Protein backbone atom coordinates (compact mmCIF):
# COMPACT_ATOMS: atom_id res chain seq x y z
CA MET A 1 -4.46 25.59 -5.29
CA LYS A 2 -4.49 25.15 -1.52
CA TYR A 3 -3.71 22.09 0.59
CA ILE A 4 -5.90 20.88 3.43
CA SER A 5 -5.63 18.20 6.09
CA THR A 6 -7.33 14.83 5.74
CA ARG A 7 -8.47 15.20 9.35
CA GLY A 8 -10.44 18.43 8.96
CA MET A 9 -8.11 21.14 10.23
CA LYS A 10 -9.35 24.40 8.69
CA ASP A 11 -5.92 26.01 8.27
CA THR A 12 -5.05 25.74 4.58
CA LYS A 13 -1.50 25.76 3.21
CA SER A 14 0.11 26.66 -0.07
CA ALA A 15 1.96 23.87 -1.87
CA ALA A 16 5.29 25.27 -0.68
CA GLN A 17 4.09 25.38 2.94
CA ALA A 18 2.74 21.82 2.72
CA VAL A 19 6.01 20.52 1.27
CA ILE A 20 8.01 22.11 4.08
CA GLN A 21 5.67 21.01 6.87
CA GLY A 22 5.18 17.45 5.62
CA LEU A 23 2.43 16.53 8.08
CA SER A 24 -0.51 18.64 9.26
CA GLN A 25 -0.64 19.78 12.87
CA ASP A 26 -3.74 17.64 13.46
CA LYS A 27 -1.75 14.54 12.37
CA GLY A 28 -3.49 14.46 9.00
CA LEU A 29 -1.93 14.35 5.55
CA PHE A 30 -2.11 17.23 3.11
CA VAL A 31 -4.32 16.83 0.03
CA PRO A 32 -5.22 19.31 -2.73
CA ASP A 33 -8.49 21.16 -2.16
CA ALA A 34 -9.48 20.26 -5.76
CA MET A 35 -8.14 17.78 -8.29
CA PRO A 36 -6.63 19.50 -11.35
CA ALA A 37 -7.54 18.36 -14.84
CA LEU A 38 -4.92 17.01 -17.21
CA PRO A 39 -2.94 19.97 -18.56
CA PHE A 40 -3.37 18.73 -22.14
CA SER A 41 -5.84 16.61 -24.10
CA LEU A 42 -5.35 12.88 -24.59
CA ASN A 43 -4.85 13.53 -28.29
CA GLU A 44 -1.90 15.81 -27.48
CA ILE A 45 -0.16 13.53 -25.02
CA ALA A 46 1.64 11.10 -27.36
CA GLY A 47 5.21 12.06 -28.18
CA LYS A 48 5.76 14.22 -25.13
CA SER A 49 8.96 13.60 -23.19
CA TYR A 50 9.01 12.56 -19.55
CA ARG A 51 10.31 15.99 -18.56
CA GLU A 52 7.49 17.74 -20.47
CA ILE A 53 4.84 15.62 -18.76
CA ALA A 54 6.42 15.93 -15.31
CA LEU A 55 6.62 19.70 -15.70
CA ALA A 56 2.96 20.00 -16.71
CA VAL A 57 1.62 17.63 -14.04
CA ILE A 58 3.61 19.11 -11.15
CA ARG A 59 2.75 22.65 -12.26
CA SER A 60 -0.96 21.69 -12.16
CA PHE A 61 -0.72 20.78 -8.48
CA PHE A 62 1.87 23.28 -7.24
CA THR A 63 0.38 26.50 -8.57
CA ASP A 64 2.29 28.79 -6.19
CA TYR A 65 5.60 27.75 -7.75
CA THR A 66 6.53 29.90 -10.73
CA GLU A 67 7.04 28.43 -14.20
CA GLU A 68 10.77 29.07 -13.87
CA GLU A 69 10.92 27.38 -10.47
CA ILE A 70 9.15 24.22 -11.70
CA GLN A 71 11.38 24.10 -14.78
CA LEU A 72 14.51 24.30 -12.64
CA CYS A 73 13.22 21.54 -10.34
CA VAL A 74 12.38 19.21 -13.23
CA LYS A 75 15.60 19.94 -15.10
CA GLY A 76 17.68 19.32 -11.98
CA ALA A 77 15.89 16.08 -11.10
CA TYR A 78 15.52 14.24 -14.39
CA ASP A 79 18.97 14.42 -15.89
CA LYS A 80 21.91 12.08 -16.51
CA LYS A 81 21.47 10.44 -13.10
CA PHE A 82 18.95 8.24 -14.95
CA GLU A 83 20.64 5.64 -17.14
CA GLU A 84 17.82 5.69 -19.71
CA ALA A 85 17.55 8.77 -21.91
CA GLY A 86 13.75 8.50 -21.79
CA ILE A 87 13.86 8.21 -17.96
CA VAL A 88 11.13 5.51 -17.81
CA PRO A 89 11.02 2.74 -20.45
CA VAL A 90 7.73 0.96 -21.14
CA VAL A 91 8.40 -2.67 -22.14
CA LYS A 92 6.00 -5.37 -23.35
CA ALA A 93 6.55 -8.76 -21.70
CA GLY A 94 4.11 -11.60 -21.21
CA GLU A 95 0.56 -10.30 -21.15
CA ALA A 96 1.27 -6.77 -19.91
CA TYR A 97 3.37 -3.68 -20.37
CA PHE A 98 5.94 -2.92 -17.69
CA LEU A 99 6.61 0.64 -16.57
CA GLU A 100 10.30 0.37 -15.59
CA LEU A 101 10.66 2.88 -12.77
CA TYR A 102 14.06 1.72 -11.55
CA HIS A 103 16.62 3.33 -13.87
CA GLY A 104 17.74 5.99 -11.37
CA LYS A 105 20.76 5.99 -9.09
CA THR A 106 19.33 3.67 -6.42
CA ALA A 107 17.61 1.23 -8.84
CA ALA A 108 14.09 1.67 -7.41
CA PHE A 109 10.97 3.68 -8.20
CA LYS A 110 11.57 5.99 -5.24
CA ASP A 111 14.18 7.80 -7.36
CA MET A 112 11.38 9.16 -9.54
CA ALA A 113 10.04 11.37 -6.74
CA LEU A 114 13.03 11.66 -4.45
CA SER A 115 15.20 13.09 -7.21
CA ILE A 116 12.92 16.11 -7.37
CA LEU A 117 11.78 16.48 -3.74
CA PRO A 118 15.03 18.19 -2.60
CA TYR A 119 14.55 20.78 -5.37
CA LEU A 120 10.90 21.31 -4.46
CA LEU A 121 11.79 21.63 -0.78
CA THR A 122 14.72 24.03 -1.17
CA THR A 123 12.65 26.15 -3.56
CA ALA A 124 9.82 26.18 -1.03
CA MET A 125 12.22 27.26 1.71
CA GLU A 126 13.33 30.23 -0.38
CA LYS A 127 9.74 31.15 -1.25
CA GLU A 128 8.64 31.01 2.38
CA LYS A 129 11.83 32.69 3.65
CA GLU A 130 12.36 29.69 5.93
CA ASP A 131 15.49 30.36 8.01
CA LYS A 132 15.48 27.17 10.07
CA LYS A 133 17.44 24.07 9.15
CA ILE A 134 15.08 21.41 7.80
CA VAL A 135 15.56 18.01 9.45
CA ILE A 136 14.16 15.25 7.25
CA LEU A 137 12.88 12.25 9.23
CA THR A 138 12.16 9.17 7.16
CA ALA A 139 11.13 5.59 7.87
CA THR A 140 11.92 3.10 5.15
CA SER A 141 11.06 -0.47 4.25
CA GLY A 142 14.15 -0.52 2.04
CA ASP A 143 14.02 1.74 -1.01
CA THR A 144 12.84 5.13 0.23
CA GLY A 145 15.80 5.36 2.61
CA LYS A 146 18.56 5.16 0.04
CA ALA A 147 16.72 7.32 -2.49
CA ALA A 148 16.08 10.00 0.16
CA LEU A 149 19.68 9.88 1.37
CA GLU A 150 20.95 10.17 -2.19
CA GLY A 151 18.59 13.06 -2.95
CA PHE A 152 19.34 15.12 0.15
CA ALA A 153 23.06 14.37 0.59
CA ASP A 154 24.92 17.66 1.16
CA ILE A 155 21.85 19.78 0.31
CA PRO A 156 22.49 23.06 2.19
CA ASN A 157 20.52 23.78 5.36
CA THR A 158 19.15 20.23 5.64
CA GLU A 159 19.86 17.11 7.68
CA ILE A 160 18.36 13.72 6.82
CA ILE A 161 17.80 10.87 9.27
CA VAL A 162 16.63 7.46 8.06
CA PHE A 163 15.30 4.62 10.20
CA TYR A 164 15.00 1.10 8.76
CA PRO A 165 13.99 -2.27 10.25
CA ASN A 166 16.98 -4.38 11.20
CA GLU A 167 16.80 -7.68 9.27
CA GLY A 168 13.81 -6.29 7.38
CA VAL A 169 15.57 -5.14 4.19
CA SER A 170 17.70 -6.93 1.63
CA GLN A 171 21.49 -7.02 1.97
CA VAL A 172 21.85 -4.77 -1.06
CA GLN A 173 19.34 -2.26 0.32
CA GLU A 174 21.10 -2.13 3.68
CA ARG A 175 24.54 -1.71 2.11
CA GLN A 176 23.24 1.09 -0.08
CA MET A 177 22.04 3.01 2.97
CA ILE A 178 24.91 2.51 5.39
CA THR A 179 27.55 3.45 2.78
CA GLN A 180 25.82 6.71 1.82
CA GLU A 181 28.17 9.67 1.58
CA GLY A 182 27.22 13.15 2.75
CA ALA A 183 27.98 15.23 5.83
CA ASN A 184 24.27 15.65 6.60
CA THR A 185 23.17 11.99 6.25
CA HIS A 186 22.37 9.70 9.20
CA VAL A 187 21.12 6.09 9.12
CA PHE A 188 19.83 3.93 11.98
CA ALA A 189 18.56 0.35 12.14
CA ILE A 190 15.76 -0.23 14.64
CA ARG A 191 14.59 -3.35 16.45
CA GLY A 192 11.20 -3.95 14.86
CA ASN A 193 9.49 -3.77 11.48
CA PHE A 194 8.64 -0.91 9.13
CA ASP A 195 5.39 -0.14 10.94
CA ASP A 196 7.38 0.36 14.15
CA ALA A 197 9.74 2.74 12.35
CA GLN A 198 6.89 4.64 10.72
CA THR A 199 4.93 4.88 13.98
CA GLY A 200 8.01 6.21 15.77
CA VAL A 201 8.59 8.89 13.12
CA LYS A 202 4.95 10.00 13.31
CA LYS A 203 5.18 10.24 17.12
CA ILE A 204 8.20 12.52 16.78
CA PHE A 205 6.32 14.69 14.28
CA ASN A 206 3.38 14.99 16.67
CA ASP A 207 5.45 15.86 19.74
CA ASP A 208 4.82 19.57 20.25
CA GLU A 209 7.34 19.90 23.07
CA PHE A 210 10.07 18.37 20.94
CA ALA A 211 9.15 20.72 18.07
CA LYS A 212 9.62 23.70 20.42
CA GLU A 213 12.97 22.32 21.56
CA LEU A 214 14.09 21.95 17.95
CA ALA A 215 12.90 25.44 17.08
CA GLY A 216 15.04 26.73 19.93
CA ILE A 217 18.15 25.44 18.15
CA GLY A 218 17.01 26.61 14.73
CA CYS A 219 15.64 23.34 13.34
CA LYS A 220 12.31 22.22 11.87
CA LEU A 221 11.08 18.73 10.97
CA SER A 222 9.91 17.58 7.55
CA SER A 223 9.54 14.23 5.80
CA ALA A 224 10.72 12.50 2.64
CA ASN A 225 8.18 9.69 3.01
CA SER A 226 5.17 9.68 0.71
CA ILE A 227 3.21 11.31 3.54
CA ASN A 228 4.83 14.47 2.11
CA ILE A 229 2.76 15.81 -0.78
CA GLY A 230 6.03 16.75 -2.49
CA ARG A 231 6.82 13.05 -2.73
CA LEU A 232 3.39 12.02 -3.97
CA VAL A 233 2.69 14.52 -6.75
CA PRO A 234 5.76 13.72 -8.89
CA GLN A 235 4.66 10.08 -8.94
CA VAL A 236 1.46 11.03 -10.75
CA ALA A 237 3.54 12.09 -13.75
CA TYR A 238 4.80 8.62 -14.62
CA TYR A 239 1.30 7.18 -14.96
CA VAL A 240 0.39 10.00 -17.33
CA TYR A 241 3.61 9.25 -19.22
CA ALA A 242 2.77 5.54 -19.32
CA TYR A 243 -0.50 6.30 -21.09
CA ALA A 244 1.34 8.48 -23.60
CA LYS A 245 3.78 5.66 -24.35
CA LEU A 246 0.96 3.14 -24.82
CA ILE A 247 -0.59 5.43 -27.42
CA GLU A 248 2.78 5.80 -29.15
CA LYS A 249 3.22 2.03 -29.23
CA GLY A 250 -0.25 1.56 -30.74
CA ALA A 251 -1.38 -0.46 -27.73
CA VAL A 252 -4.30 1.92 -27.12
CA LYS A 253 -5.98 4.83 -28.86
CA ALA A 254 -6.53 8.15 -27.10
CA GLY A 255 -9.52 7.66 -24.81
CA ASP A 256 -9.19 3.86 -24.44
CA LYS A 257 -9.16 2.65 -20.85
CA ILE A 258 -6.22 0.81 -19.30
CA ASN A 259 -5.63 -1.14 -16.10
CA ILE A 260 -2.80 -0.13 -13.78
CA VAL A 261 -1.25 -2.81 -11.58
CA VAL A 262 0.82 -1.68 -8.59
CA PRO A 263 2.68 -3.72 -5.93
CA THR A 264 1.51 -1.91 -2.84
CA GLY A 265 2.77 -1.37 0.68
CA ASN A 266 2.33 2.18 1.97
CA PHE A 267 -0.28 2.93 -0.74
CA GLY A 268 1.49 6.00 -2.15
CA ASN A 269 2.34 4.54 -5.55
CA ILE A 270 -1.17 3.32 -6.30
CA LEU A 271 -2.65 6.53 -4.87
CA ALA A 272 -0.62 8.42 -7.49
CA ALA A 273 -2.28 6.23 -10.14
CA TYR A 274 -5.67 7.12 -8.64
CA TYR A 275 -4.75 10.81 -8.89
CA ALA A 276 -3.81 10.31 -12.55
CA LYS A 277 -7.24 8.79 -13.11
CA GLN A 278 -8.93 11.70 -11.35
CA MET A 279 -7.02 14.11 -13.58
CA GLY A 280 -8.39 12.39 -16.68
CA ILE A 281 -6.27 9.37 -17.60
CA PRO A 282 -8.81 6.70 -18.68
CA VAL A 283 -8.43 3.90 -16.13
CA ASN A 284 -10.63 0.82 -15.93
CA LYS A 285 -9.24 -0.82 -12.77
CA LEU A 286 -6.52 0.03 -10.30
CA ILE A 287 -5.18 -3.38 -9.31
CA CYS A 288 -3.65 -3.37 -5.84
CA ALA A 289 -1.16 -6.22 -5.37
CA SER A 290 -0.13 -7.34 -1.89
CA ASN A 291 2.27 -9.95 -0.56
CA GLU A 292 1.41 -12.13 2.44
CA ASN A 293 0.95 -8.97 4.52
CA LYS A 294 -2.38 -8.58 2.73
CA VAL A 295 -4.09 -6.02 4.93
CA LEU A 296 -4.89 -3.88 1.88
CA THR A 297 -6.33 -6.80 -0.09
CA ASP A 298 -8.61 -7.68 2.80
CA PHE A 299 -9.62 -4.06 3.22
CA ILE A 300 -10.49 -3.48 -0.43
CA ASN A 301 -12.51 -6.69 -0.47
CA THR A 302 -14.35 -6.16 2.85
CA GLY A 303 -14.19 -2.49 3.84
CA ILE A 304 -12.60 -3.51 7.15
CA TYR A 305 -9.00 -2.46 7.89
CA ASP A 306 -7.61 -4.74 10.59
CA ILE A 307 -3.93 -4.85 11.60
CA GLN A 308 -4.50 -7.50 14.26
CA ARG A 309 -2.76 -10.22 12.28
CA GLU A 310 0.55 -12.00 11.92
CA PHE A 311 3.34 -9.97 10.35
CA TYR A 312 5.44 -11.74 7.71
CA LEU A 313 9.00 -11.05 6.60
CA THR A 314 8.94 -11.82 2.87
CA ASN A 315 11.28 -11.52 -0.08
CA SER A 316 9.37 -8.38 -1.18
CA PRO A 317 10.29 -6.34 1.93
CA SER A 318 9.11 -2.95 0.65
CA MET A 319 5.59 -4.37 0.97
CA ASP A 320 6.06 -5.79 4.46
CA ILE A 321 3.74 -3.15 5.90
CA LEU A 322 0.49 -3.31 7.86
CA ILE A 323 -0.20 0.40 8.38
CA SER A 324 -0.50 1.98 4.93
CA SER A 325 -0.28 5.70 5.60
CA ASN A 326 -1.39 7.00 2.20
CA LEU A 327 -4.66 5.09 2.35
CA GLU A 328 -5.83 7.93 4.60
CA ARG A 329 -5.72 10.29 1.61
CA LEU A 330 -7.88 7.95 -0.49
CA LEU A 331 -10.40 7.59 2.34
CA TYR A 332 -10.64 11.37 2.59
CA HIS A 333 -11.38 11.72 -1.12
CA LEU A 334 -13.92 8.88 -1.12
CA SER A 335 -15.68 10.30 1.95
CA GLY A 336 -16.39 13.52 0.09
CA GLY A 337 -13.85 15.43 2.14
CA ASN A 338 -15.23 14.52 5.57
CA GLY A 339 -12.26 15.26 7.81
CA GLN A 340 -14.05 14.32 11.03
CA GLU A 341 -14.94 10.90 9.62
CA ILE A 342 -11.32 10.26 8.67
CA SER A 343 -10.10 11.47 12.05
CA ASP A 344 -12.47 9.01 13.74
CA LEU A 345 -11.27 6.14 11.53
CA MET A 346 -7.62 6.88 12.31
CA GLU A 347 -8.39 7.14 16.02
CA SER A 348 -10.08 3.74 15.85
CA LEU A 349 -7.02 2.29 14.10
CA GLU A 350 -4.75 3.65 16.81
CA LYS A 351 -6.91 2.51 19.72
CA ASN A 352 -8.65 -0.60 18.41
CA LYS A 353 -6.21 -1.66 15.66
CA LYS A 354 -9.05 -1.72 13.12
CA TYR A 355 -11.82 0.30 11.50
CA LYS A 356 -14.77 -0.22 9.19
CA VAL A 357 -15.56 2.34 6.48
CA SER A 358 -18.93 3.73 5.42
CA SER A 359 -21.01 2.49 2.49
CA GLN A 360 -20.03 5.66 0.60
CA ILE A 361 -16.33 4.80 0.88
CA ARG A 362 -17.02 1.15 0.06
CA GLU A 363 -18.75 2.27 -3.12
CA GLY A 364 -15.73 4.39 -4.08
CA LEU A 365 -13.45 1.39 -3.64
CA SER A 366 -15.08 -0.15 -6.71
CA ASP A 367 -12.33 1.54 -8.76
CA PHE A 368 -9.94 -0.98 -7.18
CA TRP A 369 -9.38 -4.73 -7.41
CA SER A 370 -6.98 -6.47 -5.08
CA GLY A 371 -5.24 -9.79 -4.59
CA PHE A 372 -2.04 -11.15 -3.06
CA ALA A 373 0.83 -13.50 -3.83
CA ASP A 374 2.87 -15.49 -1.33
CA VAL A 375 6.63 -16.07 -1.52
CA ALA A 376 6.33 -19.34 -3.44
CA GLN A 377 4.07 -17.72 -6.05
CA THR A 378 6.42 -14.75 -6.26
CA ASN A 379 9.42 -16.95 -6.98
CA ASP A 380 7.48 -19.04 -9.48
CA THR A 381 6.39 -15.91 -11.34
CA ILE A 382 9.98 -14.67 -11.60
CA GLY A 383 11.06 -18.03 -13.01
CA ARG A 384 8.18 -18.27 -15.50
CA MET A 385 8.62 -14.72 -16.73
CA TYR A 386 12.31 -15.30 -17.37
CA LYS A 387 11.86 -18.72 -18.96
CA GLU A 388 8.94 -17.79 -21.19
CA ASN A 389 9.81 -14.19 -22.07
CA GLY A 390 13.50 -13.71 -21.25
CA TYR A 391 12.43 -10.85 -18.99
CA LEU A 392 13.90 -10.43 -15.52
CA ILE A 393 11.73 -8.92 -12.78
CA ASP A 394 12.25 -8.31 -9.09
CA THR A 395 10.16 -9.77 -6.30
CA HIS A 396 7.79 -6.81 -5.94
CA THR A 397 7.07 -6.66 -9.66
CA ALA A 398 6.52 -10.42 -9.58
CA VAL A 399 3.86 -10.00 -6.89
CA ALA A 400 2.14 -7.46 -9.13
CA TYR A 401 2.27 -9.66 -12.21
CA GLN A 402 1.00 -12.74 -10.35
CA VAL A 403 -1.95 -10.74 -8.99
CA TYR A 404 -2.60 -9.41 -12.51
CA GLU A 405 -2.73 -12.99 -13.83
CA ASP A 406 -5.17 -13.85 -11.04
CA TYR A 407 -7.27 -10.81 -11.95
CA LYS A 408 -7.49 -11.92 -15.57
CA LYS A 409 -8.54 -15.43 -14.57
CA VAL A 410 -11.25 -14.16 -12.22
CA THR A 411 -12.64 -11.38 -14.42
CA GLY A 412 -11.78 -12.36 -17.98
CA ASP A 413 -10.86 -8.71 -18.52
CA SER A 414 -8.56 -8.22 -21.53
CA THR A 415 -8.06 -4.46 -21.07
CA VAL A 416 -4.49 -3.38 -21.90
CA SER A 417 -2.63 -3.29 -18.60
CA ILE A 418 0.51 -1.62 -17.34
CA VAL A 419 2.46 -3.00 -14.38
CA ALA A 420 4.49 -0.66 -12.19
CA SER A 421 7.91 -2.33 -12.12
CA THR A 422 9.27 -0.84 -8.95
CA ALA A 423 12.81 -2.13 -8.53
CA SER A 424 15.72 -3.67 -10.38
CA ALA A 425 15.97 -7.43 -10.09
CA TYR A 426 19.55 -6.93 -8.84
CA LYS A 427 18.32 -5.33 -5.61
CA PHE A 428 16.82 -8.70 -4.64
CA ALA A 429 19.36 -10.86 -6.42
CA ASP A 430 19.24 -13.79 -3.98
CA SER A 431 15.54 -14.46 -4.55
CA VAL A 432 15.71 -13.70 -8.28
CA ALA A 433 18.78 -15.87 -8.87
CA SER A 434 17.30 -18.91 -7.16
CA SER A 435 13.97 -18.36 -8.95
CA ILE A 436 15.58 -18.62 -12.38
CA GLY A 437 17.55 -21.73 -11.43
CA LEU A 438 20.96 -20.35 -10.51
CA PRO A 439 22.88 -22.04 -7.66
CA VAL A 440 22.01 -20.60 -4.27
CA VAL A 441 24.84 -18.77 -2.49
CA GLY A 442 24.76 -17.12 0.89
CA ASP A 443 25.94 -13.64 0.04
CA GLY A 444 23.62 -11.15 -1.65
CA PHE A 445 26.43 -9.54 -3.61
CA ALA A 446 27.65 -12.90 -4.90
CA ASN A 447 24.12 -13.39 -6.19
CA VAL A 448 24.31 -10.02 -7.96
CA ALA A 449 27.44 -11.22 -9.77
CA ALA A 450 25.84 -14.58 -10.59
CA LEU A 451 22.73 -12.87 -11.91
CA HIS A 452 24.85 -10.61 -14.09
CA LYS A 453 26.53 -13.66 -15.64
CA LYS A 454 23.26 -15.56 -16.05
CA PRO A 455 22.86 -17.62 -19.24
CA GLU A 456 20.69 -15.88 -21.84
């Protein structure tokens, strides 16, 4: 399988080359030139371990890696650093099943991909005989930063630099990043929001003169954001695994459709669900949940992407994003692989702060349904879920569940649904504690302690 740019550049890359490079030279994102089919039938999927599914899915996309190389990557990534033996529990609560993606070292879903990306990257460097030091540049809205720092800390021949929005992450998220150990780790707060950080990183990637200067001192840029195909592909595995677990639990039979609900900011996590559907997982609707920064909701409902709007700092900061980079990959697929069309759309976004997609892309968006939840609704959902089900969820998962409830009311659809639960409630303990009725205290870590001692 080869990887091509979303913006039409004809130079194809192997998976290893795409993982190292991160971003195409024409500013596009790498996508597979064809979507692989599921590596096993739906009747065979139940009972397989997370490692077995991850191995098979990643191998399907990264065909230039040997079987031994993929096995070593998976074995190294999904080990005792995850507190759950099964890696990703699937738990029934309320009217949905929750895919708990936060049992890794940094208590967020980013661990699922960023535990394996360093292995994929270092393997790629060996395959391609890359002799330059790889400098990982990453913008974060809170969770990617710590997971990337943790994954790449003290990995030979790499440096990792993380930029995060000052006052735009939770106290726990910030403390996790600035206390990271590792001789090759570097963390900087910026004045601005996540979009500013992400835009700055992309400008650095697209600076040819700077790239030459770096090459002169033996360095080369890459990314740990989901713009890197090595970040995106491992995320596909957990949606395949979720379907396997639903069959095991008797919630669905092989071949039954499910809904997948994802709290969405940069669009990578829900794009991975779309890839799982394209591979053959039976999906009815991909439900895209936004907070008050509802640029994606408006886009899915109108076909117009417009970032000329007020930016909100919410209690679900990983979704406080207006420029959703991975949406570009979806647009490319829905356009039928029209790189020039996507290049024109991205140019319009840069120059005019908006774009309108074609009728063909609008038609493809019918796989998606989207809604949003504001802060008050988010807090109410956390409180209701805990009171009615004894189940504690974080702010991002609460946004997803509220939007799922709205979806059910609007559509009447009773399809079995799985919600991507993207972070531990303890990462956003201040909002969660107050939402379940605990006394409000000023310090985020005091709220963690209070939440731990909460009455059952």
